[in-house]
Amino acid sequence: MQYFWTEEERKQRHTTDCFEFQKGVHAHHWLEDSLCMEEDLFRELGLSRFFKEHLQQFDYFGVTEVTYEDWEELLEHAYERGGDIAKVFEELEPWAEECFEEQDVFSICGI
């Protein structure tokens, strides 16, 4: 993957300076089926601004729950914007769709 790491890849890099995308809502971090994005890349791509514009409850330092309806709206805005933002969402889309087959939300765990 270009933008995301699997949990195994994050462990190999020995870092926790990442945003973790979790299926559902959990009381702990670094789940095996999570995807992670390095904080520096998240910031460089403007994802913080993008999420704040389109997901009012986005919390850079906390946990943000994303419903299917939120996801559809985010996806639409990302593809309209194009560029790296669209590529990030294109990479995340299969994981999110799989998540919503069994979960009502996914969580973005901030720094």
C-alpha atoms as a PDB file:
ATOM      1  CA  MET A   1       0.000   0.000   0.000  1.00  0.00           C
ATOM      2  CA  GLN A   2       1.145   3.506  -0.724  1.00  0.00           C
ATOM      3  CA  TYR A   3      -0.502   5.453   2.109  1.00  0.00           C
ATOM      4  CA  PHE A   4      -1.411   2.924   4.793  1.00  0.00           C
ATOM      5  CA  TRP A   5       0.467   0.342   6.804  1.00  0.00           C
ATOM      6  CA  THR A   6      -0.937  -2.870   8.183  1.00  0.00           C
ATOM      7  CA  GLU A   7      -0.547  -3.390  11.910  1.00  0.00           C
ATOM      8  CA  GLU A   8       2.298  -5.805  11.224  1.00  0.00           C
ATOM      9  CA  GLU A   9       4.133  -3.156   9.173  1.00  0.00           C
ATOM     10  CA  ARG A  10       3.605  -0.579  11.932  1.00  0.00           C
ATOM     11  CA  LYS A  11       5.134  -2.959  14.497  1.00  0.00           C
ATOM     12  CA  GLN A  12       8.138  -3.563  12.248  1.00  0.00           C
ATOM     13  CA  ARG A  13       8.713   0.200  12.074  1.00  0.00           C
ATOM     14  CA  HIS A  14       8.558   0.442  15.899  1.00  0.00           C
ATOM     15  CA  THR A  15       6.355   3.534  15.866  1.00  0.00           C
ATOM     16  CA  THR A  16       3.106   4.712  17.365  1.00  0.00           C
ATOM     17  CA  ASP A  17       3.088   8.137  15.661  1.00  0.00           C
ATOM     18  CA  CYS A  18       0.193   7.015  13.488  1.00  0.00           C
ATOM     19  CA  PHE A  19      -3.493   7.447  12.959  1.00  0.00           C
ATOM     20  CA  GLU A  20      -5.138   4.072  13.391  1.00  0.00           C
ATOM     21  CA  PHE A  21      -8.234   3.162  11.385  1.00  0.00           C
ATOM     22  CA  GLN A  22     -10.120   0.471  13.347  1.00  0.00           C
ATOM     23  CA  LYS A  23     -13.147  -1.574  12.363  1.00  0.00           C
ATOM     24  CA  GLY A  24     -15.817  -0.799  14.961  1.00  0.00           C
ATOM     25  CA  VAL A  25     -15.064   0.856  18.300  1.00  0.00           C
ATOM     26  CA  HIS A  26     -12.554  -0.659  20.727  1.00  0.00           C
ATOM     27  CA  ALA A  27     -11.060   0.206  24.080  1.00  0.00           C
ATOM     28  CA  HIS A  28      -7.527  -0.662  22.938  1.00  0.00           C
ATOM     29  CA  HIS A  29      -5.213   0.137  20.034  1.00  0.00           C
ATOM     30  CA  TRP A  30      -3.109  -1.587  17.404  1.00  0.00           C
ATOM     31  CA  LEU A  31      -5.556  -4.256  16.305  1.00  0.00           C
ATOM     32  CA  GLU A  32      -4.447  -6.828  13.734  1.00  0.00           C
ATOM     33  CA  ASP A  33      -7.030  -5.736  11.138  1.00  0.00           C
ATOM     34  CA  SER A  34      -6.390  -2.003  11.568  1.00  0.00           C
ATOM     35  CA  LEU A  35      -4.756   0.224   9.003  1.00  0.00           C
ATOM     36  CA  CYS A  36      -2.315   2.919  10.091  1.00  0.00           C
ATOM     37  CA  MET A  37      -1.106   6.136   8.523  1.00  0.00           C
ATOM     38  CA  GLU A  38       1.988   7.951   9.691  1.00  0.00           C
ATOM     39  CA  GLU A  39       1.146  11.274  11.361  1.00  0.00           C
ATOM     40  CA  ASP A  40       3.562  13.249   9.172  1.00  0.00           C
ATOM     41  CA  LEU A  41       1.962  11.901   5.988  1.00  0.00           C
ATOM     42  CA  PHE A  42      -1.547  12.540   7.358  1.00  0.00           C
ATOM     43  CA  ARG A  43      -0.583  16.171   7.965  1.00  0.00           C
ATOM     44  CA  GLU A  44       1.314  16.614   4.660  1.00  0.00           C
ATOM     45  CA  LEU A  45      -1.667  15.348   2.653  1.00  0.00           C
ATOM     46  CA  GLY A  46      -4.009  17.797   4.369  1.00  0.00           C
ATOM     47  CA  LEU A  47      -6.192  15.029   5.768  1.00  0.00           C
ATOM     48  CA  SER A  48      -6.709  16.808   9.076  1.00  0.00           C
ATOM     49  CA  ARG A  49      -8.212  19.803   7.267  1.00  0.00           C
ATOM     50  CA  PHE A  50     -10.211  17.527   4.952  1.00  0.00           C
ATOM     51  CA  PHE A  51     -11.724  15.548   7.843  1.00  0.00           C
ATOM     52  CA  LYS A  52     -12.511  18.716   9.803  1.00  0.00           C
ATOM     53  CA  GLU A  53     -14.287  20.192   6.767  1.00  0.00           C
ATOM     54  CA  HIS A  54     -16.431  17.136   6.129  1.00  0.00           C
ATOM     55  CA  LEU A  55     -16.661  15.376   9.501  1.00  0.00           C
ATOM     56  CA  GLN A  56     -17.424  17.915  12.214  1.00  0.00           C
ATOM     57  CA  GLN A  57     -16.766  15.492  15.068  1.00  0.00           C
ATOM     58  CA  PHE A  58     -13.208  14.766  13.854  1.00  0.00           C
ATOM     59  CA  ASP A  59     -10.762  14.763  16.780  1.00  0.00           C
ATOM     60  CA  TYR A  60      -7.055  14.853  15.885  1.00  0.00           C
ATOM     61  CA  PHE A  61      -6.113  13.622  19.353  1.00  0.00           C
ATOM     62  CA  GLY A  62      -9.065  11.373  20.166  1.00  0.00           C
ATOM     63  CA  VAL A  63     -11.329   8.765  18.630  1.00  0.00           C
ATOM     64  CA  THR A  64     -13.665   9.674  15.773  1.00  0.00           C
ATOM     65  CA  GLU A  65     -16.444   7.292  14.777  1.00  0.00           C
ATOM     66  CA  VAL A  66     -17.327   7.211  11.079  1.00  0.00           C
ATOM     67  CA  THR A  67     -20.747   5.852  10.081  1.00  0.00           C
ATOM     68  CA  TYR A  68     -21.577   4.455   6.652  1.00  0.00           C
ATOM     69  CA  GLU A  69     -23.386   7.697   5.820  1.00  0.00           C
ATOM     70  CA  ASP A  70     -20.317   9.698   6.899  1.00  0.00           C
ATOM     71  CA  TRP A  71     -18.133   7.411   4.794  1.00  0.00           C
ATOM     72  CA  GLU A  72     -20.243   7.888   1.670  1.00  0.00           C
ATOM     73  CA  GLU A  73     -20.065  11.667   2.065  1.00  0.00           C
ATOM     74  CA  LEU A  74     -16.304  11.616   2.703  1.00  0.00           C
ATOM     75  CA  LEU A  75     -15.763   9.404  -0.315  1.00  0.00           C
ATOM     76  CA  GLU A  76     -17.794  11.691  -2.561  1.00  0.00           C
ATOM     77  CA  HIS A  77     -15.871  14.794  -1.427  1.00  0.00           C
ATOM     78  CA  ALA A  78     -12.522  13.002  -1.754  1.00  0.00           C
ATOM     79  CA  TYR A  79     -13.202  11.948  -5.336  1.00  0.00           C
ATOM     80  CA  GLU A  80     -14.457  15.446  -6.186  1.00  0.00           C
ATOM     81  CA  ARG A  81     -11.248  16.935  -4.796  1.00  0.00           C
ATOM     82  CA  GLY A  82      -9.017  14.482  -6.630  1.00  0.00           C
ATOM     83  CA  GLY A  83      -5.249  14.274  -6.222  1.00  0.00           C
ATOM     84  CA  ASP A  84      -3.678  12.578  -3.235  1.00  0.00           C
ATOM     85  CA  ILE A  85      -6.862  12.829  -1.158  1.00  0.00           C
ATOM     86  CA  ALA A  86      -8.752  10.771  -3.762  1.00  0.00           C
ATOM     87  CA  LYS A  87      -5.889   8.255  -3.913  1.00  0.00           C
ATOM     88  CA  VAL A  88      -5.944   7.852  -0.118  1.00  0.00           C
ATOM     89  CA  PHE A  89      -9.668   7.140  -0.163  1.00  0.00           C
ATOM     90  CA  GLU A  90      -9.314   4.797  -3.127  1.00  0.00           C
ATOM     91  CA  GLU A  91      -6.779   2.798  -1.111  1.00  0.00           C
ATOM     92  CA  LEU A  92      -8.966   2.857   2.012  1.00  0.00           C
ATOM     93  CA  GLU A  93     -12.233   2.000   0.226  1.00  0.00           C
ATOM     94  CA  PRO A  94     -11.951  -1.846   0.117  1.00  0.00           C
ATOM     95  CA  TRP A  95     -11.057  -1.942   3.824  1.00  0.00           C
ATOM     96  CA  ALA A  96     -13.964   0.367   4.736  1.00  0.00           C
ATOM     97  CA  GLU A  97     -16.480  -1.563   2.633  1.00  0.00           C
ATOM     98  CA  GLU A  98     -15.373  -4.791   4.318  1.00  0.00           C
ATOM     99  CA  CYS A  99     -15.728  -3.096   7.696  1.00  0.00           C
ATOM    100  CA  PHE A 100     -19.304  -2.000   7.025  1.00  0.00           C
ATOM    101  CA  GLU A 101     -20.320  -5.568   6.155  1.00  0.00           C
ATOM    102  CA  GLU A 102     -20.051  -6.385   9.882  1.00  0.00           C
ATOM    103  CA  GLN A 103     -19.769  -3.076  11.750  1.00  0.00           C
ATOM    104  CA  ASP A 104     -21.899   0.065  12.001  1.00  0.00           C
ATOM    105  CA  VAL A 105     -18.835   2.329  12.191  1.00  0.00           C
ATOM    106  CA  PHE A 106     -15.108   2.467  11.881  1.00  0.00           C
ATOM    107  CA  SER A 107     -12.945   4.556  14.174  1.00  0.00           C
ATOM    108  CA  ILE A 108     -10.091   6.895  13.446  1.00  0.00           C
ATOM    109  CA  CYS A 109      -7.843   6.894  16.494  1.00  0.00           C
ATOM    110  CA  GLY A 110      -5.859  10.101  16.616  1.00  0.00           C
ATOM    111  CA  ILE A 111      -2.428  10.796  17.976  1.00  0.00           C
END
